[in-house]
């Protein structure tokens, strides 16, 4: 009798495994949605309330950055205070150089969550992926370190 009930649940379990999304390949916190660069570019174009937040250093940002992005250096001592001055009700697509390989975007996202920011995305592949996709950005300067 047990076998009859076991086999009746197998199709349900199999369907759940097919329907449930696989975990993201990056190391972004589970409460953060990952967004691919082309999807992020489209999202920004369609949502006035969305901000691309570049958490790299000002030197990196000045060398080249995603058009329209806002730079807030996660390594700056005043990072948290700068975030507190921002609107927590906006949608933020956070990136650093490689997301999340160098970890700066994850630190920024953790801090943003602790400050009450709710609509957060991690840009898959960060600045490098955006550049590789040839999406709108400022031209790189010749003064690369």
C-alpha atoms as a PDB file:
ATOM      1  CA  UNK A   1       0.000   0.000   0.000  1.00  0.00           C
ATOM      2  CA  UNK A   2       2.876   2.362   0.804  1.00  0.00           C
ATOM      3  CA  UNK A   3       4.273   1.916  -2.712  1.00  0.00           C
ATOM      4  CA  UNK A   4       0.987   3.044  -4.219  1.00  0.00           C
ATOM      5  CA  UNK A   5       1.155   6.372  -2.354  1.00  0.00           C
ATOM      6  CA  UNK A   6       4.845   6.811  -3.083  1.00  0.00           C
ATOM      7  CA  UNK A   7       4.308   6.443  -6.805  1.00  0.00           C
ATOM      8  CA  UNK A   8       1.340   8.830  -6.750  1.00  0.00           C
ATOM      9  CA  UNK A   9       3.623  11.611  -5.429  1.00  0.00           C
ATOM     10  CA  UNK A  10       6.448  11.055  -7.908  1.00  0.00           C
ATOM     11  CA  UNK A  11       4.810  12.959 -10.801  1.00  0.00           C
ATOM     12  CA  UNK A  12       4.134  15.931  -8.508  1.00  0.00           C
ATOM     13  CA  UNK A  13       7.715  16.019  -7.264  1.00  0.00           C
ATOM     14  CA  UNK A  14       9.031  15.720 -10.827  1.00  0.00           C
ATOM     15  CA  UNK A  15       6.849  18.628 -11.958  1.00  0.00           C
ATOM     16  CA  UNK A  16       8.072  20.791  -9.094  1.00  0.00           C
ATOM     17  CA  UNK A  17      11.679  20.115 -10.016  1.00  0.00           C
ATOM     18  CA  UNK A  18      11.010  21.203 -13.591  1.00  0.00           C
ATOM     19  CA  UNK A  19       9.009  24.316 -12.637  1.00  0.00           C
ATOM     20  CA  UNK A  20      11.178  25.677  -9.833  1.00  0.00           C
ATOM     21  CA  UNK A  21      13.925  28.016 -11.071  1.00  0.00           C
ATOM     22  CA  UNK A  22      17.502  26.960 -10.735  1.00  0.00           C
ATOM     23  CA  UNK A  23      19.636  29.036  -8.396  1.00  0.00           C
ATOM     24  CA  UNK A  24      21.615  31.834 -10.019  1.00  0.00           C
ATOM     25  CA  UNK A  25      25.209  31.041 -10.893  1.00  0.00           C
ATOM     26  CA  UNK A  26      26.567  34.158  -9.245  1.00  0.00           C
ATOM     27  CA  UNK A  27      27.137  34.667  -5.527  1.00  0.00           C
ATOM     28  CA  UNK A  28      24.552  37.427  -5.116  1.00  0.00           C
ATOM     29  CA  UNK A  29      22.498  37.173  -1.944  1.00  0.00           C
ATOM     30  CA  UNK A  30      19.339  35.136  -2.504  1.00  0.00           C
ATOM     31  CA  UNK A  31      17.062  38.125  -1.812  1.00  0.00           C
ATOM     32  CA  UNK A  32      18.665  40.023  -4.724  1.00  0.00           C
ATOM     33  CA  UNK A  33      17.469  39.420  -8.261  1.00  0.00           C
ATOM     34  CA  UNK A  34      20.188  38.997 -10.850  1.00  0.00           C
ATOM     35  CA  UNK A  35      19.689  40.790 -14.155  1.00  0.00           C
ATOM     36  CA  UNK A  36      21.571  40.219 -17.404  1.00  0.00           C
ATOM     37  CA  UNK A  37      23.083  43.315 -19.068  1.00  0.00           C
ATOM     38  CA  UNK A  38      20.767  43.458 -22.102  1.00  0.00           C
ATOM     39  CA  UNK A  39      17.722  43.029 -19.871  1.00  0.00           C
ATOM     40  CA  UNK A  40      19.086  45.749 -17.554  1.00  0.00           C
ATOM     41  CA  UNK A  41      19.556  48.129 -20.484  1.00  0.00           C
ATOM     42  CA  UNK A  42      15.929  47.528 -21.569  1.00  0.00           C
ATOM     43  CA  UNK A  43      14.674  47.814 -17.980  1.00  0.00           C
ATOM     44  CA  UNK A  44      16.377  51.193 -17.462  1.00  0.00           C
ATOM     45  CA  UNK A  45      14.919  52.497 -20.735  1.00  0.00           C
ATOM     46  CA  UNK A  46      11.401  51.521 -19.644  1.00  0.00           C
ATOM     47  CA  UNK A  47      11.488  52.550 -15.960  1.00  0.00           C
ATOM     48  CA  UNK A  48      12.069  56.141 -14.889  1.00  0.00           C
ATOM     49  CA  UNK A  49      12.380  54.942 -11.300  1.00  0.00           C
ATOM     50  CA  UNK A  50      15.428  52.736 -12.002  1.00  0.00           C
ATOM     51  CA  UNK A  51      19.037  53.666 -11.237  1.00  0.00           C
ATOM     52  CA  UNK A  52      22.254  51.928 -12.271  1.00  0.00           C
ATOM     53  CA  UNK A  53      24.468  52.202  -9.200  1.00  0.00           C
ATOM     54  CA  UNK A  54      28.196  51.880  -9.910  1.00  0.00           C
ATOM     55  CA  UNK A  55      29.983  51.043  -6.646  1.00  0.00           C
ATOM     56  CA  UNK A  56      33.518  51.118  -8.077  1.00  0.00           C
ATOM     57  CA  UNK A  57      36.069  53.754  -7.115  1.00  0.00           C
ATOM     58  CA  UNK A  58      35.840  57.268  -8.585  1.00  0.00           C
ATOM     59  CA  UNK A  59      39.040  56.583 -10.559  1.00  0.00           C
ATOM     60  CA  UNK A  60      37.480  53.515 -12.195  1.00  0.00           C
ATOM     61  CA  UNK A  61      34.259  55.424 -12.837  1.00  0.00           C
ATOM     62  CA  UNK A  62      36.074  58.352 -14.475  1.00  0.00           C
ATOM     63  CA  UNK A  63      38.004  56.013 -16.784  1.00  0.00           C
ATOM     64  CA  UNK A  64      34.687  54.724 -18.193  1.00  0.00           C
ATOM     65  CA  UNK A  65      31.211  53.973 -16.920  1.00  0.00           C
ATOM     66  CA  UNK A  66      27.724  52.941 -17.981  1.00  0.00           C
ATOM     67  CA  UNK A  67      25.836  55.918 -19.409  1.00  0.00           C
ATOM     68  CA  UNK A  68      23.568  57.461 -16.810  1.00  0.00           C
ATOM     69  CA  UNK A  69      24.974  55.475 -13.912  1.00  0.00           C
ATOM     70  CA  UNK A  70      25.483  56.978 -10.457  1.00  0.00           C
ATOM     71  CA  UNK A  71      28.815  56.400  -8.713  1.00  0.00           C
ATOM     72  CA  UNK A  72      28.903  55.711  -4.978  1.00  0.00           C
ATOM     73  CA  UNK A  73      32.186  54.109  -3.917  1.00  0.00           C
ATOM     74  CA  UNK A  74      31.489  51.141  -1.630  1.00  0.00           C
ATOM     75  CA  UNK A  75      35.037  51.469  -0.234  1.00  0.00           C
ATOM     76  CA  UNK A  76      34.472  55.075   0.894  1.00  0.00           C
ATOM     77  CA  UNK A  77      34.063  55.633   4.639  1.00  0.00           C
ATOM     78  CA  UNK A  78      30.952  57.708   3.918  1.00  0.00           C
ATOM     79  CA  UNK A  79      29.312  55.018   1.752  1.00  0.00           C
ATOM     80  CA  UNK A  80      26.476  54.351   4.190  1.00  0.00           C
ATOM     81  CA  UNK A  81      25.787  58.071   4.659  1.00  0.00           C
ATOM     82  CA  UNK A  82      25.701  58.574   0.882  1.00  0.00           C
ATOM     83  CA  UNK A  83      23.177  55.730   0.569  1.00  0.00           C
ATOM     84  CA  UNK A  84      21.013  57.221   3.318  1.00  0.00           C
ATOM     85  CA  UNK A  85      20.662  60.341   1.146  1.00  0.00           C
ATOM     86  CA  UNK A  86      19.292  58.235  -1.733  1.00  0.00           C
ATOM     87  CA  UNK A  87      15.648  57.273  -2.321  1.00  0.00           C
ATOM     88  CA  UNK A  88      15.091  53.721  -0.980  1.00  0.00           C
ATOM     89  CA  UNK A  89      11.881  53.445  -3.019  1.00  0.00           C
ATOM     90  CA  UNK A  90      13.675  53.446  -6.367  1.00  0.00           C
ATOM     91  CA  UNK A  91      14.874  50.349  -8.181  1.00  0.00           C
ATOM     92  CA  UNK A  92      18.660  49.931  -8.084  1.00  0.00           C
ATOM     93  CA  UNK A  93      20.757  47.826 -10.454  1.00  0.00           C
ATOM     94  CA  UNK A  94      24.062  47.545  -8.601  1.00  0.00           C
ATOM     95  CA  UNK A  95      27.375  46.715 -10.235  1.00  0.00           C
ATOM     96  CA  UNK A  96      31.096  46.756  -9.765  1.00  0.00           C
ATOM     97  CA  UNK A  97      33.738  45.523 -12.203  1.00  0.00           C
ATOM     98  CA  UNK A  98      32.784  41.870 -12.588  1.00  0.00           C
ATOM     99  CA  UNK A  99      29.801  41.202 -10.279  1.00  0.00           C
ATOM    100  CA  UNK A 100      30.171  39.403  -8.010  1.00  0.00           C
ATOM    101  CA  UNK A 101      33.736  38.240  -8.568  1.00  0.00           C
ATOM    102  CA  UNK A 102      35.335  41.129  -6.717  1.00  0.00           C
ATOM    103  CA  UNK A 103      32.624  41.247  -4.051  1.00  0.00           C
ATOM    104  CA  UNK A 104      32.090  44.993  -3.922  1.00  0.00           C
ATOM    105  CA  UNK A 105      28.582  44.803  -5.329  1.00  0.00           C
ATOM    106  CA  UNK A 106      27.575  42.201  -2.733  1.00  0.00           C
ATOM    107  CA  UNK A 107      28.873  44.403   0.102  1.00  0.00           C
ATOM    108  CA  UNK A 108      26.924  47.331  -1.341  1.00  0.00           C
ATOM    109  CA  UNK A 109      23.749  45.250  -1.706  1.00  0.00           C
ATOM    110  CA  UNK A 110      24.011  43.970   1.883  1.00  0.00           C
ATOM    111  CA  UNK A 111      24.381  47.544   3.158  1.00  0.00           C
ATOM    112  CA  UNK A 112      21.479  48.751   1.017  1.00  0.00           C
ATOM    113  CA  UNK A 113      19.253  45.984   2.341  1.00  0.00           C
ATOM    114  CA  UNK A 114      20.156  46.885   5.930  1.00  0.00           C
ATOM    115  CA  UNK A 115      19.133  50.495   5.188  1.00  0.00           C
ATOM    116  CA  UNK A 116      15.704  49.466   3.906  1.00  0.00           C
ATOM    117  CA  UNK A 117      16.262  49.430   0.139  1.00  0.00           C
ATOM    118  CA  UNK A 118      13.927  46.777  -1.237  1.00  0.00           C
ATOM    119  CA  UNK A 119      14.015  46.711  -5.047  1.00  0.00           C
ATOM    120  CA  UNK A 120      17.578  45.578  -5.731  1.00  0.00           C
ATOM    121  CA  UNK A 121      19.203  43.866  -8.691  1.00  0.00           C
ATOM    122  CA  UNK A 122      22.741  42.612  -9.221  1.00  0.00           C
ATOM    123  CA  UNK A 123      24.023  43.261 -12.742  1.00  0.00           C
ATOM    124  CA  UNK A 124      25.349  39.905 -13.978  1.00  0.00           C
ATOM    125  CA  UNK A 125      28.954  40.274 -15.043  1.00  0.00           C
ATOM    126  CA  UNK A 126      29.113  43.929 -13.946  1.00  0.00           C
ATOM    127  CA  UNK A 127      30.863  46.633 -15.930  1.00  0.00           C
ATOM    128  CA  UNK A 128      32.896  44.083 -17.919  1.00  0.00           C
ATOM    129  CA  UNK A 129      29.781  42.282 -19.224  1.00  0.00           C
ATOM    130  CA  UNK A 130      28.156  45.625 -20.120  1.00  0.00           C
ATOM    131  CA  UNK A 131      31.286  46.649 -22.022  1.00  0.00           C
ATOM    132  CA  UNK A 132      31.521  43.264 -23.775  1.00  0.00           C
ATOM    133  CA  UNK A 133      27.888  43.626 -24.909  1.00  0.00           C
ATOM    134  CA  UNK A 134      28.763  47.027 -26.447  1.00  0.00           C
ATOM    135  CA  UNK A 135      25.953  48.761 -24.542  1.00  0.00           C
ATOM    136  CA  UNK A 136      25.910  52.559 -23.998  1.00  0.00           C
ATOM    137  CA  UNK A 137      28.848  53.773 -21.934  1.00  0.00           C
ATOM    138  CA  UNK A 138      31.342  56.587 -21.816  1.00  0.00           C
ATOM    139  CA  UNK A 139      34.397  55.950 -23.984  1.00  0.00           C
ATOM    140  CA  UNK A 140      37.345  54.582 -21.996  1.00  0.00           C
ATOM    141  CA  UNK A 141      40.090  57.109 -21.287  1.00  0.00           C
ATOM    142  CA  UNK A 142      43.673  56.398 -22.217  1.00  0.00           C
ATOM    143  CA  UNK A 143      44.791  56.738 -18.587  1.00  0.00           C
ATOM    144  CA  UNK A 144      44.109  53.163 -17.525  1.00  0.00           C
ATOM    145  CA  UNK A 145      46.130  52.039 -14.486  1.00  0.00           C
END
